[in-house]
Amino acid sequence: MVSERLGIYLDKKGISFYAIENALNAGRGSISKAVKEGKNIGSNTLENILNLYTDLNPTWLLTGEGSMLKDENFLMDKSLQAFPLKTDYAMHHQQIPLYDLEATAGLVPLFTESANNIPLDYITIPNLPKCDGAIYVTGDSMYPLLKSGDIVLYKAINDIKNEIFWGEMYLLSVEMSGEEFVMVKYIQKAENPQYVKLVSQNKHHQDKEVEISKIRALALVKASIRINSMN
């Protein structure tokens, strides 16, 4: 049923019933009741849902055919993808500072001297998990999930050795030959417990193992923003 598939989408994206009902100006419990009890959802409400969540494939939602999410080429000019954890709690309003990484001279001073860093601007997106900041992505190691020019929103990790969620996406600073390299990677376990494996989304980039002690700064990627220009 349509309501069942909508529930699958909301769970996949980490969107609460409160968030969607609030965004649609729908009655409290109207969407949650339809999903939980397998009831029909009105055509006007479905149209509003598809206008609100532009990555949701209408064919899949209405018929169950095809993939749940649209191909990247069908996304509207501005798209947001969240990467939720079960431990997340959504914040209805927060101003997330957007930093220029070159101006802050890397992640380490950005994380340790945040009070002294002046943001380029602030990002406000309702019902996101708690984020500490945002920066622009460079490089193509996480393409097509992320591409150069996208914005990632992050939550800094204080205890690098003990607070890694294996398999999640991270923004990190790694020291190599006395230089700092900032990157976005999946972090997986390595055979040697003193190392971690850095994995790219782009299959043209090989996995690389690095010593945990070489990681100078670490943050969970909580969401990404892409702005597609038609010009």
Protein backbone atom coordinates (compact mmCIF):
# COMPACT_ATOMS: atom_id res chain seq x y z
CA MET A 1 0.00 0.00 0.00
CA VAL A 2 0.96 3.62 -0.52
CA SER A 3 0.92 4.36 3.20
CA GLU A 4 3.20 1.38 3.91
CA ARG A 5 5.71 2.55 1.29
CA LEU A 6 5.58 6.07 2.69
CA GLY A 7 6.47 4.62 6.09
CA ILE A 8 9.44 2.81 4.54
CA TYR A 9 10.66 6.07 2.99
CA LEU A 10 10.28 8.05 6.21
CA ASP A 11 12.17 5.39 8.16
CA LYS A 12 14.93 5.27 5.54
CA LYS A 13 15.37 9.05 5.62
CA GLY A 14 15.05 9.36 9.39
CA ILE A 15 12.02 11.67 9.12
CA SER A 16 9.66 11.63 12.09
CA PHE A 17 5.87 11.67 11.77
CA TYR A 18 5.87 14.95 13.66
CA ALA A 19 8.27 16.48 11.12
CA ILE A 20 6.25 15.50 8.06
CA GLU A 21 2.90 16.44 9.62
CA ASN A 22 4.33 19.80 10.65
CA ALA A 23 5.83 20.42 7.20
CA LEU A 24 2.53 19.56 5.51
CA ASN A 25 0.43 21.50 8.02
CA ALA A 26 -1.47 18.24 8.50
CA GLY A 27 -3.37 17.25 11.62
CA ARG A 28 -1.33 15.77 14.46
CA GLY A 29 -1.26 11.99 14.02
CA SER A 30 -2.87 12.01 10.57
CA ILE A 31 0.15 10.61 8.72
CA SER A 32 1.30 8.33 11.53
CA LYS A 33 -2.16 6.77 11.82
CA ALA A 34 -2.39 6.17 8.07
CA VAL A 35 1.04 4.53 7.99
CA LYS A 36 0.60 2.43 11.11
CA GLU A 37 -2.94 1.29 10.28
CA GLY A 38 -2.47 0.93 6.52
CA LYS A 39 -5.10 3.53 5.66
CA ASN A 40 -5.45 5.50 2.44
CA ILE A 41 -3.77 8.88 2.05
CA GLY A 42 -5.64 11.54 0.07
CA SER A 43 -4.42 12.56 -3.37
CA ASN A 44 -3.87 16.18 -2.31
CA THR A 45 -1.72 15.04 0.62
CA LEU A 46 0.28 12.72 -1.65
CA GLU A 47 0.88 15.56 -4.08
CA ASN A 48 2.12 17.76 -1.23
CA ILE A 49 4.40 14.96 0.01
CA LEU A 50 5.97 14.55 -3.43
CA ASN A 51 6.46 18.31 -3.72
CA LEU A 52 8.09 18.37 -0.29
CA TYR A 53 10.37 15.34 -0.67
CA THR A 54 11.72 15.76 -4.17
CA ASP A 55 13.97 12.68 -4.07
CA LEU A 56 10.97 10.36 -3.55
CA ASN A 57 10.07 8.46 -6.71
CA PRO A 58 6.30 8.94 -7.31
CA THR A 59 6.06 5.76 -9.38
CA TRP A 60 7.47 3.70 -6.52
CA LEU A 61 5.28 5.43 -3.95
CA LEU A 62 2.06 4.90 -5.91
CA THR A 63 2.72 1.49 -7.50
CA GLY A 64 5.71 -0.07 -5.77
CA GLU A 65 7.56 -0.32 -9.09
CA GLY A 66 11.12 0.90 -9.62
CA SER A 67 13.45 2.33 -6.97
CA MET A 68 12.36 4.32 -3.94
CA LEU A 69 14.54 7.34 -4.74
CA LYS A 70 14.75 9.26 -7.98
CA ASP A 71 17.92 9.26 -10.02
CA GLU A 72 20.22 12.14 -9.13
CA ASN A 73 19.44 13.87 -12.45
CA PHE A 74 15.79 14.30 -11.46
CA LEU A 75 16.49 16.18 -8.23
CA MET A 76 15.42 19.80 -7.98
CA ASP A 77 17.84 22.71 -7.75
CA LYS A 78 18.45 22.26 -4.03
CA SER A 79 18.52 18.87 -2.32
CA LEU A 80 19.26 17.72 1.19
CA GLN A 81 20.23 14.23 2.30
CA ALA A 82 20.48 13.33 5.95
CA PHE A 83 22.59 10.51 7.37
CA PRO A 84 20.76 9.66 10.63
CA LEU A 85 21.85 7.38 13.45
CA LYS A 86 19.50 5.68 15.89
CA THR A 87 21.06 7.77 18.66
CA ASP A 88 20.19 11.05 16.90
CA TYR A 89 17.64 13.47 18.23
CA ALA A 90 16.22 16.07 15.88
CA MET A 91 16.41 19.77 16.67
CA HIS A 92 13.60 21.86 15.23
CA HIS A 93 15.67 25.05 15.06
CA GLN A 94 19.44 25.41 15.02
CA GLN A 95 21.79 27.79 13.25
CA ILE A 96 24.65 25.76 11.81
CA PRO A 97 27.77 27.81 11.01
CA LEU A 98 29.19 27.39 7.50
CA TYR A 99 32.99 27.74 7.53
CA ASP A 100 35.63 28.41 4.91
CA LEU A 101 38.16 25.64 5.52
CA GLU A 102 40.99 27.60 3.91
CA ALA A 103 40.36 30.55 6.20
CA THR A 104 40.45 28.35 9.30
CA ALA A 105 43.67 26.62 8.15
CA GLY A 106 42.25 23.10 8.48
CA LEU A 107 39.98 21.02 10.67
CA VAL A 108 42.16 20.97 13.79
CA PRO A 109 42.02 24.73 14.43
CA LEU A 110 38.39 24.74 13.30
CA PHE A 111 37.44 22.20 15.97
CA THR A 112 39.75 23.43 18.74
CA GLU A 113 39.33 27.18 18.22
CA SER A 114 35.71 27.32 17.08
CA ALA A 115 34.99 30.43 19.14
CA ASN A 116 37.64 32.35 17.17
CA ASN A 117 36.49 31.25 13.71
CA ILE A 118 34.11 33.52 11.83
CA PRO A 119 31.50 31.65 9.71
CA LEU A 120 30.72 32.58 6.14
CA ASP A 121 27.04 32.26 6.98
CA TYR A 122 24.56 30.14 8.92
CA ILE A 123 22.37 27.26 7.71
CA THR A 124 18.95 26.60 9.20
CA ILE A 125 17.13 23.37 8.34
CA PRO A 126 14.36 22.18 10.68
CA ASN A 127 14.50 18.76 12.34
CA LEU A 128 18.12 17.91 11.60
CA PRO A 129 20.24 16.04 14.15
CA LYS A 130 22.52 18.28 16.24
CA CYS A 131 25.36 19.63 14.08
CA ASP A 132 28.44 21.65 15.04
CA GLY A 133 29.20 23.17 11.67
CA ALA A 134 29.34 22.81 7.90
CA ILE A 135 32.00 23.06 5.19
CA TYR A 136 32.22 22.73 1.42
CA VAL A 137 33.42 19.42 -0.02
CA THR A 138 36.36 19.25 -2.42
CA GLY A 139 37.42 16.28 -4.54
CA ASP A 140 35.46 13.37 -5.97
CA SER A 141 36.29 10.43 -3.68
CA MET A 142 32.66 10.17 -2.49
CA TYR A 143 31.07 10.74 -5.90
CA PRO A 144 28.20 10.34 -6.79
CA LEU A 145 26.93 10.57 -3.21
CA LEU A 146 28.94 13.76 -2.72
CA LYS A 147 30.60 15.93 -5.32
CA SER A 148 32.92 18.89 -5.16
CA GLY A 149 30.98 21.98 -4.09
CA ASP A 150 28.46 20.11 -1.95
CA ILE A 151 28.11 21.12 1.70
CA VAL A 152 28.48 18.59 4.51
CA LEU A 153 27.09 19.23 7.99
CA TYR A 154 29.04 17.56 10.78
CA LYS A 155 29.14 16.68 14.49
CA ALA A 156 32.66 16.74 15.94
CA ILE A 157 34.00 13.64 17.72
CA ASN A 158 36.08 14.29 20.84
CA ASP A 159 37.30 10.78 21.65
CA ILE A 160 38.60 9.59 18.28
CA LYS A 161 39.77 6.19 19.47
CA ASN A 162 36.59 5.13 21.25
CA GLU A 163 33.71 6.97 19.56
CA ILE A 164 33.84 5.68 15.98
CA PHE A 165 30.63 4.20 14.55
CA TRP A 166 32.06 1.67 12.11
CA GLY A 167 30.81 2.02 8.55
CA GLU A 168 29.54 5.59 8.96
CA MET A 169 30.66 8.57 6.89
CA TYR A 170 33.18 10.94 8.48
CA LEU A 171 34.91 14.22 7.85
CA LEU A 172 38.49 13.81 9.00
CA SER A 173 41.92 15.34 9.03
CA VAL A 174 44.87 12.96 8.58
CA GLU A 175 48.53 13.86 9.04
CA MET A 176 50.78 12.48 6.32
CA SER A 177 54.43 13.45 5.95
CA GLY A 178 53.89 16.49 8.14
CA GLU A 179 50.93 17.78 6.10
CA GLU A 180 47.22 17.81 6.89
CA PHE A 181 44.85 16.14 4.44
CA VAL A 182 41.13 16.80 4.89
CA MET A 183 38.73 14.26 3.40
CA VAL A 184 35.32 12.64 3.65
CA LYS A 185 35.39 8.83 3.91
CA TYR A 186 33.59 5.84 5.30
CA ILE A 187 35.54 4.44 8.25
CA GLN A 188 35.72 0.67 8.64
CA LYS A 189 37.70 -1.63 10.92
CA ALA A 190 41.17 -2.73 9.85
CA GLU A 191 42.80 -6.01 10.81
CA ASN A 192 45.31 -4.13 12.94
CA PRO A 193 43.34 -2.47 15.81
CA GLN A 194 45.73 0.48 15.73
CA TYR A 195 44.58 1.30 12.19
CA VAL A 196 41.32 2.15 10.44
CA LYS A 197 40.32 1.59 6.84
CA LEU A 198 39.24 4.66 4.87
CA VAL A 199 36.76 3.73 2.13
CA SER A 200 35.56 5.90 -0.77
CA GLN A 201 32.19 5.85 -2.52
CA ASN A 202 33.98 6.37 -5.84
CA LYS A 203 35.23 2.92 -6.90
CA HIS A 204 38.15 4.53 -8.77
CA HIS A 205 39.65 5.42 -5.38
CA GLN A 206 41.36 2.61 -3.51
CA ASP A 207 40.79 1.92 0.18
CA LYS A 208 43.58 3.09 2.47
CA GLU A 209 44.52 2.07 6.00
CA VAL A 210 45.90 4.74 8.33
CA GLU A 211 47.01 4.75 11.95
CA ILE A 212 44.37 6.07 14.32
CA SER A 213 47.07 8.23 15.89
CA LYS A 214 47.45 10.04 12.54
CA ILE A 215 43.83 11.24 12.67
CA ARG A 216 44.03 14.77 14.07
CA ALA A 217 40.34 15.70 13.83
CA LEU A 218 37.18 13.68 13.25
CA ALA A 219 33.50 14.47 12.76
CA LEU A 220 30.41 12.47 11.80
CA VAL A 221 28.79 13.64 8.58
CA LYS A 222 25.16 14.23 9.56
CA ALA A 223 23.76 15.62 6.30
CA SER A 224 24.74 16.96 2.90
CA ILE A 225 23.36 19.75 0.75
CA ARG A 226 23.64 19.96 -3.03
CA ILE A 227 22.67 22.97 -5.09
CA ASN A 228 22.28 22.17 -8.78
CA SER A 229 22.51 25.07 -11.16
CA MET A 230 20.73 25.05 -14.53
CA ASN A 231 22.98 27.83 -15.84
